[in-house]
Each structure stands twice: as C-alpha cells, then as structure tokens.
Amino acid sequence: MSSTTITRGNSHETFYITPSITPAAVAANISAAQTFSVAGLQTTDIVSVIGYNGTQTAGIAIAEADCLTAGVLSVQFANVTTASATPSSGAYTIQITRLEGPAPVTAV
C-alpha cells in the first residue's frame, strides 16, 4: 500500500493481464461458470473480463467474472443460442482492480 497522504480513493491499483484460456462448451440457453488457473489473482480482487482478443463465438457472452479462490479465475459464459456452443480459446483481456482495504458498504 502507498504511504502518501494524497487522497486517491480506495483502489490501490488497476492493471490488465491477458491469460490464454480454453473454455469448454456451454449448453443452449444457459450460463455456466468455468474456472482457469491464473497465478497471482487474489480473492479480494475485482475482476472484469474486457473481452477476447479475436473473434468470439456467435451467441456467447461473458456474463460475470471473479476470483473466489486464490489463483483461480472464474468466468461465467452465457450461451443465448438454441444449440451448444464453445467460447473461443485464446488470450482474454482481464482488468484487475486491487483495493487498499475492504470495499465500503456505501459510497458515502
């Protein structure tokens, strides 16, 4: 944590990574969480998948992402088609926000 007295909010740092992941097929009309090893992730990180660095599979959307276990990225893929579909494999851009302490309950 920084030791300055400059007011800067509660985000210690925000950075981007591009891990290569290989998702499994997602059944029709559902969303499913899949996990991938990503060294250095912490359970207190706020994780956002910005996107896939290429052409994504039609009908697949990234619904949510987080780190529930240290070093493990969880991504929920939604399949809005009427058939099973597999999200594209490869490098995904992930934004990590690391807080200085616990997140506040309110913005006040």
N, C-alpha and C. Protein backbone atom coordinates (compact mmCIF):
# COMPACT_ATOMS: atom_id res chain seq x y z
N MET A 1 0.84 -1.17 0.00
CA MET A 1 0.00 0.00 0.00
C MET A 1 0.89 1.24 0.00
N SER A 2 0.46 2.27 -0.73
CA SER A 2 1.20 3.51 -0.80
C SER A 2 1.22 4.19 0.56
N SER A 3 2.27 4.96 0.84
CA SER A 3 2.38 5.62 2.15
C SER A 3 2.20 7.12 2.05
N THR A 4 1.65 7.61 0.93
CA THR A 4 1.43 9.05 0.79
C THR A 4 0.15 9.46 1.50
N THR A 5 -0.01 10.75 1.70
CA THR A 5 -1.23 11.27 2.32
C THR A 5 -2.15 11.91 1.29
N ILE A 6 -1.86 11.70 0.01
CA ILE A 6 -2.70 12.24 -1.06
C ILE A 6 -3.98 11.43 -1.13
N THR A 7 -5.12 12.12 -1.16
CA THR A 7 -6.39 11.44 -1.29
C THR A 7 -6.46 10.80 -2.67
N ARG A 8 -6.74 9.51 -2.73
CA ARG A 8 -6.76 8.82 -4.02
C ARG A 8 -7.85 7.76 -4.11
N GLY A 9 -8.79 7.75 -3.19
CA GLY A 9 -9.84 6.74 -3.24
C GLY A 9 -9.38 5.45 -2.60
N ASN A 10 -10.10 4.36 -2.85
CA ASN A 10 -9.75 3.11 -2.18
C ASN A 10 -9.19 2.05 -3.12
N SER A 11 -8.90 2.43 -4.36
CA SER A 11 -8.30 1.49 -5.30
C SER A 11 -6.78 1.65 -5.25
N HIS A 12 -6.12 0.59 -4.83
CA HIS A 12 -4.66 0.62 -4.73
C HIS A 12 -4.02 0.59 -6.11
N GLU A 13 -4.54 -0.26 -6.98
CA GLU A 13 -4.01 -0.36 -8.33
C GLU A 13 -5.00 -1.04 -9.25
N THR A 14 -4.92 -0.70 -10.52
CA THR A 14 -5.70 -1.37 -11.57
C THR A 14 -4.71 -1.76 -12.65
N PHE A 15 -4.78 -3.01 -13.08
CA PHE A 15 -3.88 -3.46 -14.12
C PHE A 15 -4.59 -4.47 -15.00
N TYR A 16 -3.97 -4.77 -16.13
CA TYR A 16 -4.56 -5.66 -17.12
C TYR A 16 -3.63 -6.84 -17.37
N ILE A 17 -4.24 -8.01 -17.58
CA ILE A 17 -3.49 -9.21 -17.93
C ILE A 17 -4.19 -9.86 -19.13
N THR A 18 -3.48 -10.71 -19.84
CA THR A 18 -4.08 -11.40 -20.99
C THR A 18 -3.75 -12.89 -20.93
N PRO A 19 -4.37 -13.60 -19.98
CA PRO A 19 -4.12 -15.04 -19.93
C PRO A 19 -4.77 -15.75 -21.11
N SER A 20 -4.17 -16.84 -21.51
CA SER A 20 -4.74 -17.68 -22.56
C SER A 20 -5.58 -18.75 -21.88
N ILE A 21 -6.86 -18.80 -22.22
CA ILE A 21 -7.75 -19.79 -21.60
C ILE A 21 -8.44 -20.62 -22.68
N THR A 22 -8.86 -21.81 -22.29
CA THR A 22 -9.55 -22.71 -23.20
C THR A 22 -10.88 -23.12 -22.56
N PRO A 23 -11.95 -22.37 -22.86
CA PRO A 23 -13.26 -22.69 -22.30
C PRO A 23 -13.85 -23.97 -22.88
N ALA A 24 -14.74 -24.57 -22.11
CA ALA A 24 -15.47 -25.76 -22.56
C ALA A 24 -16.81 -25.32 -23.16
N ALA A 25 -17.49 -26.24 -23.81
CA ALA A 25 -18.78 -25.94 -24.42
C ALA A 25 -19.80 -25.53 -23.35
N VAL A 26 -20.72 -24.67 -23.75
CA VAL A 26 -21.82 -24.23 -22.89
C VAL A 26 -23.11 -24.68 -23.55
N ALA A 27 -23.96 -25.36 -22.79
CA ALA A 27 -25.23 -25.85 -23.33
C ALA A 27 -26.11 -24.69 -23.79
N ALA A 28 -27.10 -25.01 -24.59
CA ALA A 28 -28.00 -24.00 -25.14
C ALA A 28 -28.78 -23.28 -24.05
N ASN A 29 -28.95 -21.98 -24.24
CA ASN A 29 -29.82 -21.14 -23.40
C ASN A 29 -29.50 -21.15 -21.91
N ILE A 30 -28.23 -21.26 -21.55
CA ILE A 30 -27.85 -21.19 -20.14
C ILE A 30 -26.57 -20.38 -20.00
N SER A 31 -26.22 -20.09 -18.77
CA SER A 31 -24.89 -19.54 -18.49
C SER A 31 -24.20 -20.53 -17.56
N ALA A 32 -22.89 -20.63 -17.69
CA ALA A 32 -22.14 -21.59 -16.90
C ALA A 32 -20.80 -21.00 -16.51
N ALA A 33 -20.45 -21.12 -15.23
CA ALA A 33 -19.16 -20.65 -14.75
C ALA A 33 -18.09 -21.70 -15.05
N GLN A 34 -16.94 -21.24 -15.52
CA GLN A 34 -15.81 -22.11 -15.78
C GLN A 34 -14.60 -21.50 -15.09
N THR A 35 -13.69 -22.34 -14.61
CA THR A 35 -12.53 -21.85 -13.87
C THR A 35 -11.23 -22.12 -14.62
N PHE A 36 -10.28 -21.19 -14.41
CA PHE A 36 -8.98 -21.25 -15.09
C PHE A 36 -7.91 -20.81 -14.11
N SER A 37 -6.76 -21.46 -14.11
CA SER A 37 -5.64 -21.07 -13.24
C SER A 37 -5.00 -19.80 -13.77
N VAL A 38 -4.90 -18.79 -12.90
CA VAL A 38 -4.23 -17.53 -13.24
C VAL A 38 -3.43 -17.12 -12.00
N ALA A 39 -2.14 -17.38 -12.05
CA ALA A 39 -1.27 -17.10 -10.90
C ALA A 39 -1.35 -15.63 -10.49
N GLY A 40 -1.39 -15.40 -9.18
CA GLY A 40 -1.36 -14.05 -8.65
C GLY A 40 -2.71 -13.44 -8.34
N LEU A 41 -3.80 -14.01 -8.85
CA LEU A 41 -5.12 -13.46 -8.53
C LEU A 41 -5.40 -13.65 -7.04
N GLN A 42 -6.06 -12.65 -6.47
CA GLN A 42 -6.41 -12.71 -5.05
C GLN A 42 -7.93 -12.67 -4.90
N THR A 43 -8.42 -13.27 -3.84
CA THR A 43 -9.87 -13.34 -3.64
C THR A 43 -10.49 -11.97 -3.39
N THR A 44 -9.71 -10.98 -3.05
CA THR A 44 -10.23 -9.63 -2.84
C THR A 44 -10.16 -8.78 -4.11
N ASP A 45 -9.64 -9.32 -5.20
CA ASP A 45 -9.57 -8.59 -6.47
C ASP A 45 -10.96 -8.41 -7.07
N ILE A 46 -11.16 -7.26 -7.70
CA ILE A 46 -12.36 -7.04 -8.51
C ILE A 46 -11.94 -7.36 -9.94
N VAL A 47 -12.60 -8.33 -10.55
CA VAL A 47 -12.19 -8.86 -11.85
C VAL A 47 -13.24 -8.54 -12.91
N SER A 48 -12.78 -8.01 -14.03
CA SER A 48 -13.66 -7.75 -15.18
C SER A 48 -13.01 -8.30 -16.43
N VAL A 49 -13.75 -9.11 -17.17
CA VAL A 49 -13.25 -9.58 -18.45
C VAL A 49 -13.63 -8.53 -19.48
N ILE A 50 -12.62 -7.90 -20.06
CA ILE A 50 -12.85 -6.85 -21.04
C ILE A 50 -13.24 -7.46 -22.38
N GLY A 51 -12.65 -8.58 -22.73
CA GLY A 51 -13.02 -9.25 -23.97
C GLY A 51 -11.97 -10.22 -24.45
N TYR A 52 -12.32 -10.88 -25.52
CA TYR A 52 -11.44 -11.85 -26.18
C TYR A 52 -10.67 -11.11 -27.25
N ASN A 53 -9.39 -11.39 -27.38
CA ASN A 53 -8.55 -10.72 -28.38
C ASN A 53 -8.64 -11.44 -29.72
N GLY A 54 -9.81 -11.44 -30.30
CA GLY A 54 -10.07 -12.11 -31.57
C GLY A 54 -11.56 -12.13 -31.80
N THR A 55 -12.02 -13.06 -32.61
CA THR A 55 -13.44 -13.17 -32.91
C THR A 55 -14.08 -14.18 -31.97
N GLN A 56 -15.06 -13.72 -31.22
CA GLN A 56 -15.76 -14.58 -30.26
C GLN A 56 -16.81 -15.42 -30.99
N THR A 57 -17.17 -16.52 -30.39
CA THR A 57 -18.20 -17.40 -30.93
C THR A 57 -19.56 -16.69 -30.89
N ALA A 58 -20.30 -16.73 -32.00
CA ALA A 58 -21.62 -16.10 -32.06
C ALA A 58 -22.53 -16.68 -30.98
N GLY A 59 -23.26 -15.81 -30.30
CA GLY A 59 -24.21 -16.24 -29.29
C GLY A 59 -23.62 -16.43 -27.90
N ILE A 60 -22.32 -16.23 -27.75
CA ILE A 60 -21.66 -16.37 -26.45
C ILE A 60 -21.37 -14.98 -25.88
N ALA A 61 -21.71 -14.78 -24.62
CA ALA A 61 -21.42 -13.52 -23.94
C ALA A 61 -20.75 -13.83 -22.60
N ILE A 62 -19.92 -12.92 -22.17
CA ILE A 62 -19.29 -13.06 -20.85
C ILE A 62 -20.20 -12.36 -19.86
N ALA A 63 -20.77 -13.14 -18.94
CA ALA A 63 -21.77 -12.60 -18.02
C ALA A 63 -21.16 -12.06 -16.72
N GLU A 64 -20.06 -12.65 -16.25
CA GLU A 64 -19.52 -12.27 -14.95
C GLU A 64 -18.16 -12.93 -14.77
N ALA A 65 -17.32 -12.33 -13.93
CA ALA A 65 -16.01 -12.91 -13.63
C ALA A 65 -15.61 -12.54 -12.21
N ASP A 66 -14.87 -13.42 -11.55
CA ASP A 66 -14.36 -13.14 -10.21
C ASP A 66 -13.26 -14.11 -9.85
N CYS A 67 -12.75 -13.94 -8.64
CA CYS A 67 -11.72 -14.82 -8.11
C CYS A 67 -12.18 -15.27 -6.73
N LEU A 68 -12.79 -16.45 -6.66
CA LEU A 68 -13.30 -16.97 -5.39
C LEU A 68 -12.25 -17.76 -4.62
N THR A 69 -11.22 -18.24 -5.32
CA THR A 69 -10.11 -18.98 -4.73
C THR A 69 -8.82 -18.37 -5.28
N ALA A 70 -7.84 -18.15 -4.43
CA ALA A 70 -6.59 -17.54 -4.86
C ALA A 70 -6.02 -18.26 -6.08
N GLY A 71 -5.65 -17.49 -7.11
CA GLY A 71 -5.04 -18.06 -8.30
C GLY A 71 -6.00 -18.71 -9.27
N VAL A 72 -7.31 -18.55 -9.04
CA VAL A 72 -8.30 -19.18 -9.91
C VAL A 72 -9.28 -18.13 -10.43
N LEU A 73 -9.31 -17.96 -11.74
CA LEU A 73 -10.24 -17.06 -12.40
C LEU A 73 -11.52 -17.83 -12.71
N SER A 74 -12.65 -17.26 -12.33
CA SER A 74 -13.95 -17.85 -12.66
C SER A 74 -14.65 -16.93 -13.65
N VAL A 75 -15.02 -17.47 -14.81
CA VAL A 75 -15.72 -16.69 -15.83
C VAL A 75 -17.04 -17.38 -16.13
N GLN A 76 -18.11 -16.61 -16.10
CA GLN A 76 -19.42 -17.16 -16.43
C GLN A 76 -19.74 -16.79 -17.88
N PHE A 77 -19.84 -17.81 -18.73
CA PHE A 77 -20.18 -17.62 -20.14
C PHE A 77 -21.67 -17.88 -20.33
N ALA A 78 -22.34 -17.00 -21.06
CA ALA A 78 -23.76 -17.18 -21.37
C ALA A 78 -23.89 -17.58 -22.83
N ASN A 79 -24.70 -18.60 -23.06
CA ASN A 79 -24.97 -19.06 -24.42
C ASN A 79 -26.43 -18.73 -24.72
N VAL A 80 -26.66 -17.79 -25.62
CA VAL A 80 -28.03 -17.36 -25.92
C VAL A 80 -28.58 -18.02 -27.19
N THR A 81 -27.93 -19.08 -27.63
CA THR A 81 -28.38 -19.79 -28.83
C THR A 81 -29.19 -21.02 -28.45
N THR A 82 -29.73 -21.68 -29.45
CA THR A 82 -30.53 -22.89 -29.21
C THR A 82 -29.72 -24.16 -29.38
N ALA A 83 -28.39 -24.03 -29.45
CA ALA A 83 -27.51 -25.19 -29.58
C ALA A 83 -26.29 -24.99 -28.69
N SER A 84 -25.63 -26.06 -28.33
CA SER A 84 -24.40 -25.97 -27.56
C SER A 84 -23.37 -25.16 -28.35
N ALA A 85 -22.59 -24.33 -27.64
CA ALA A 85 -21.56 -23.53 -28.31
C ALA A 85 -20.34 -23.44 -27.40
N THR A 86 -19.18 -23.35 -28.00
CA THR A 86 -17.93 -23.27 -27.24
C THR A 86 -17.33 -21.89 -27.40
N PRO A 87 -17.11 -21.18 -26.28
CA PRO A 87 -16.44 -19.87 -26.36
C PRO A 87 -15.06 -20.04 -26.97
N SER A 88 -14.60 -19.01 -27.65
CA SER A 88 -13.29 -19.06 -28.30
C SER A 88 -12.16 -19.23 -27.29
N SER A 89 -11.16 -20.00 -27.67
CA SER A 89 -9.95 -20.18 -26.86
C SER A 89 -8.92 -19.15 -27.27
N GLY A 90 -8.09 -18.75 -26.30
CA GLY A 90 -7.01 -17.82 -26.60
C GLY A 90 -6.88 -16.77 -25.52
N ALA A 91 -6.27 -15.64 -25.88
CA ALA A 91 -5.98 -14.58 -24.92
C ALA A 91 -7.21 -13.71 -24.67
N TYR A 92 -7.59 -13.61 -23.42
CA TYR A 92 -8.68 -12.74 -22.98
C TYR A 92 -8.08 -11.60 -22.19
N THR A 93 -8.56 -10.38 -22.40
CA THR A 93 -8.07 -9.23 -21.63
C THR A 93 -8.88 -9.13 -20.35
N ILE A 94 -8.17 -9.16 -19.22
CA ILE A 94 -8.78 -9.13 -17.90
C ILE A 94 -8.32 -7.87 -17.16
N GLN A 95 -9.26 -7.11 -16.60
CA GLN A 95 -8.92 -5.95 -15.78
C GLN A 95 -9.02 -6.37 -14.31
N ILE A 96 -7.96 -6.11 -13.57
CA ILE A 96 -7.91 -6.42 -12.14
C ILE A 96 -7.84 -5.11 -11.37
N THR A 97 -8.75 -4.91 -10.43
CA THR A 97 -8.69 -3.76 -9.53
C THR A 97 -8.43 -4.29 -8.14
N ARG A 98 -7.38 -3.80 -7.53
CA ARG A 98 -7.00 -4.23 -6.19
C ARG A 98 -7.25 -3.07 -5.22
N LEU A 99 -8.06 -3.32 -4.21
CA LEU A 99 -8.42 -2.28 -3.24
C LEU A 99 -7.36 -2.15 -2.16
N GLU A 100 -7.32 -0.98 -1.51
CA GLU A 100 -6.38 -0.77 -0.40
C GLU A 100 -6.84 -1.49 0.86
N GLY A 101 -8.11 -1.71 0.99
CA GLY A 101 -8.66 -2.38 2.16
C GLY A 101 -10.02 -2.94 1.77
N PRO A 102 -10.85 -3.23 2.76
CA PRO A 102 -12.18 -3.74 2.45
C PRO A 102 -12.99 -2.72 1.66
N ALA A 103 -13.82 -3.18 0.75
CA ALA A 103 -14.70 -2.28 -0.01
C ALA A 103 -15.74 -1.70 0.93
N PRO A 104 -16.04 -0.40 0.81
CA PRO A 104 -17.07 0.20 1.66
C PRO A 104 -18.45 -0.32 1.29
N VAL A 105 -19.35 -0.28 2.24
CA VAL A 105 -20.73 -0.73 2.00
C VAL A 105 -21.49 0.31 1.19
N THR A 106 -21.17 1.59 1.40
CA THR A 106 -21.84 2.66 0.65
C THR A 106 -20.79 3.58 0.05
N ALA A 107 -21.22 4.49 -0.80
CA ALA A 107 -20.30 5.45 -1.41
C ALA A 107 -20.20 6.73 -0.59
N VAL A 108 -20.79 6.76 0.57
CA VAL A 108 -20.78 7.97 1.40
C VAL A 108 -19.62 7.93 2.36
